Amino acid sequence: MLLEVGTQEKAELSDTIYRYTPLFKYMMTFYVIIDYLANLDESFIATYLLEQQLIVAFDHRNF
């Protein structure tokens, strides 16, 4: 859902590197965690997209 809307940083989320997450108590990728949280609430999607836009703006000195 969220990850289909594209910026470069979202594309860089790992879907192959698994890490133990104490919150979920098992191995997960960052891609799965972000997708799970995005499906919980629309406000998370809006916040995440804003953060991604800020990252791109700062990286390109376009603010």
N, C-alpha and C. Protein backbone atom coordinates (compact mmCIF):
# COMPACT_ATOMS: atom_id res chain seq x y z
N MET A 1 0.83 -1.19 0.00
CA MET A 1 0.00 0.00 0.00
C MET A 1 0.87 1.25 0.00
N LEU A 2 1.49 1.56 1.11
CA LEU A 2 2.31 2.75 1.23
C LEU A 2 3.52 2.68 0.32
N LEU A 3 4.12 1.53 0.23
CA LEU A 3 5.38 1.41 -0.46
C LEU A 3 5.24 1.47 -1.97
N GLU A 4 4.02 1.47 -2.47
CA GLU A 4 3.81 1.61 -3.91
C GLU A 4 3.99 3.06 -4.35
N VAL A 5 3.76 4.01 -3.44
CA VAL A 5 3.97 5.42 -3.73
C VAL A 5 5.46 5.65 -3.65
N GLY A 6 6.08 6.15 -4.75
CA GLY A 6 7.52 6.05 -4.80
C GLY A 6 8.33 7.30 -4.51
N THR A 7 9.32 7.15 -3.65
CA THR A 7 10.47 8.03 -3.59
C THR A 7 11.67 7.11 -3.49
N GLN A 8 12.81 7.65 -3.72
CA GLN A 8 14.01 6.82 -3.73
C GLN A 8 14.24 6.14 -2.39
N GLU A 9 14.00 6.84 -1.28
CA GLU A 9 14.28 6.27 0.02
C GLU A 9 13.40 5.06 0.32
N LYS A 10 12.14 5.10 -0.09
CA LYS A 10 11.27 3.95 0.13
C LYS A 10 11.75 2.74 -0.65
N ALA A 11 12.28 3.00 -1.83
CA ALA A 11 12.79 1.90 -2.63
C ALA A 11 14.01 1.26 -1.98
N GLU A 12 14.71 2.02 -1.14
CA GLU A 12 15.90 1.50 -0.47
C GLU A 12 15.58 0.71 0.79
N LEU A 13 14.31 0.65 1.19
CA LEU A 13 13.97 -0.17 2.35
C LEU A 13 14.30 -1.63 2.04
N SER A 14 14.95 -2.26 2.98
CA SER A 14 15.39 -3.63 2.75
C SER A 14 14.22 -4.61 2.86
N ASP A 15 14.13 -5.48 1.88
CA ASP A 15 13.15 -6.56 1.97
C ASP A 15 13.86 -7.90 2.01
N THR A 16 15.18 -7.86 2.20
CA THR A 16 15.95 -9.10 2.29
C THR A 16 16.74 -9.24 3.58
N ILE A 17 17.00 -8.14 4.27
CA ILE A 17 17.77 -8.18 5.52
C ILE A 17 16.80 -8.24 6.70
N TYR A 18 16.82 -9.35 7.39
CA TYR A 18 15.93 -9.55 8.53
C TYR A 18 16.65 -9.19 9.82
N ARG A 19 15.93 -8.50 10.71
CA ARG A 19 16.47 -8.15 12.02
C ARG A 19 15.44 -8.51 13.08
N TYR A 20 15.96 -8.87 14.23
CA TYR A 20 15.06 -9.18 15.34
C TYR A 20 14.44 -7.89 15.85
N THR A 21 13.12 -7.89 16.00
CA THR A 21 12.41 -6.72 16.51
C THR A 21 11.74 -7.08 17.83
N PRO A 22 12.16 -6.45 18.92
CA PRO A 22 11.58 -6.76 20.23
C PRO A 22 10.07 -6.51 20.29
N LEU A 23 9.59 -5.51 19.57
CA LEU A 23 8.16 -5.22 19.58
C LEU A 23 7.34 -6.38 19.02
N PHE A 24 7.79 -6.96 17.92
CA PHE A 24 7.06 -8.07 17.30
C PHE A 24 7.56 -9.43 17.76
N LYS A 25 8.71 -9.45 18.39
CA LYS A 25 9.31 -10.65 18.97
C LYS A 25 9.70 -11.71 17.93
N TYR A 26 10.05 -11.27 16.74
CA TYR A 26 10.61 -12.16 15.74
C TYR A 26 11.33 -11.36 14.66
N MET A 27 11.94 -12.06 13.73
CA MET A 27 12.72 -11.44 12.67
C MET A 27 11.79 -10.82 11.62
N MET A 28 12.09 -9.57 11.26
CA MET A 28 11.31 -8.86 10.25
C MET A 28 12.24 -7.95 9.45
N THR A 29 11.78 -7.57 8.26
CA THR A 29 12.50 -6.57 7.47
C THR A 29 11.90 -5.20 7.75
N PHE A 30 12.66 -4.15 7.46
CA PHE A 30 12.14 -2.80 7.63
C PHE A 30 10.94 -2.56 6.70
N TYR A 31 11.00 -3.14 5.53
CA TYR A 31 9.91 -3.02 4.56
C TYR A 31 8.59 -3.52 5.16
N VAL A 32 8.63 -4.67 5.80
CA VAL A 32 7.42 -5.27 6.38
C VAL A 32 6.92 -4.43 7.56
N ILE A 33 7.83 -3.92 8.37
CA ILE A 33 7.44 -3.10 9.53
C ILE A 33 6.73 -1.83 9.07
N ILE A 34 7.31 -1.13 8.09
CA ILE A 34 6.70 0.11 7.59
C ILE A 34 5.34 -0.19 6.95
N ASP A 35 5.26 -1.24 6.18
CA ASP A 35 4.00 -1.61 5.54
C ASP A 35 2.94 -1.96 6.59
N TYR A 36 3.33 -2.69 7.62
CA TYR A 36 2.40 -3.05 8.70
C TYR A 36 1.87 -1.79 9.39
N LEU A 37 2.76 -0.88 9.75
CA LEU A 37 2.34 0.34 10.43
C LEU A 37 1.47 1.22 9.53
N ALA A 38 1.79 1.25 8.25
CA ALA A 38 1.00 2.05 7.30
C ALA A 38 -0.43 1.54 7.20
N ASN A 39 -0.61 0.26 7.35
CA ASN A 39 -1.95 -0.31 7.28
C ASN A 39 -2.76 -0.09 8.55
N LEU A 40 -2.10 0.31 9.63
CA LEU A 40 -2.81 0.55 10.88
C LEU A 40 -3.60 1.85 10.89
N ASP A 41 -3.00 2.90 10.33
CA ASP A 41 -3.62 4.22 10.46
C ASP A 41 -3.20 5.13 9.31
N GLU A 42 -4.12 5.90 8.79
CA GLU A 42 -3.85 6.84 7.71
C GLU A 42 -2.88 7.95 8.14
N SER A 43 -2.91 8.33 9.41
CA SER A 43 -2.02 9.40 9.86
C SER A 43 -0.56 8.95 9.80
N PHE A 44 -0.29 7.67 9.97
CA PHE A 44 1.08 7.19 9.84
C PHE A 44 1.57 7.35 8.41
N ILE A 45 0.70 7.06 7.45
CA ILE A 45 1.06 7.21 6.04
C ILE A 45 1.42 8.66 5.75
N ALA A 46 0.59 9.58 6.20
CA ALA A 46 0.83 11.01 5.95
C ALA A 46 2.15 11.45 6.60
N THR A 47 2.40 11.01 7.82
CA THR A 47 3.63 11.38 8.52
C THR A 47 4.85 10.79 7.82
N TYR A 48 4.75 9.54 7.41
CA TYR A 48 5.87 8.89 6.73
C TYR A 48 6.18 9.57 5.40
N LEU A 49 5.14 9.91 4.64
CA LEU A 49 5.35 10.58 3.37
C LEU A 49 5.97 11.96 3.56
N LEU A 50 5.55 12.69 4.59
CA LEU A 50 6.13 13.99 4.90
C LEU A 50 7.61 13.84 5.23
N GLU A 51 7.93 12.85 6.05
CA GLU A 51 9.32 12.60 6.41
C GLU A 51 10.16 12.30 5.16
N GLN A 52 9.63 11.49 4.26
CA GLN A 52 10.35 11.16 3.03
C GLN A 52 10.57 12.39 2.17
N GLN A 53 9.57 13.27 2.09
CA GLN A 53 9.73 14.50 1.32
C GLN A 53 10.79 15.40 1.93
N LEU A 54 10.85 15.48 3.25
CA LEU A 54 11.86 16.28 3.93
C LEU A 54 13.26 15.72 3.68
N ILE A 55 13.39 14.41 3.73
CA ILE A 55 14.69 13.78 3.48
C ILE A 55 15.18 14.12 2.07
N VAL A 56 14.30 13.99 1.10
CA VAL A 56 14.68 14.29 -0.29
C VAL A 56 15.03 15.77 -0.43
N ALA A 57 14.26 16.64 0.18
CA ALA A 57 14.53 18.09 0.11
C ALA A 57 15.88 18.43 0.72
N PHE A 58 16.18 17.85 1.88
CA PHE A 58 17.47 18.13 2.52
C PHE A 58 18.63 17.54 1.71
N ASP A 59 18.44 16.37 1.15
CA ASP A 59 19.49 15.75 0.35
C ASP A 59 19.82 16.59 -0.89
N HIS A 60 18.80 17.21 -1.47
CA HIS A 60 18.99 18.00 -2.68
C HIS A 60 19.10 19.50 -2.38
N ARG A 61 19.15 19.84 -1.11
CA ARG A 61 19.22 21.26 -0.68
C ARG A 61 18.10 22.07 -1.33
N ASN A 62 16.90 21.47 -1.36
CA ASN A 62 15.75 22.09 -2.01
C ASN A 62 14.68 22.36 -0.96
N PHE A 63 14.91 23.38 -0.13
CA PHE A 63 13.93 23.69 0.91
C PHE A 63 13.59 25.13 0.96
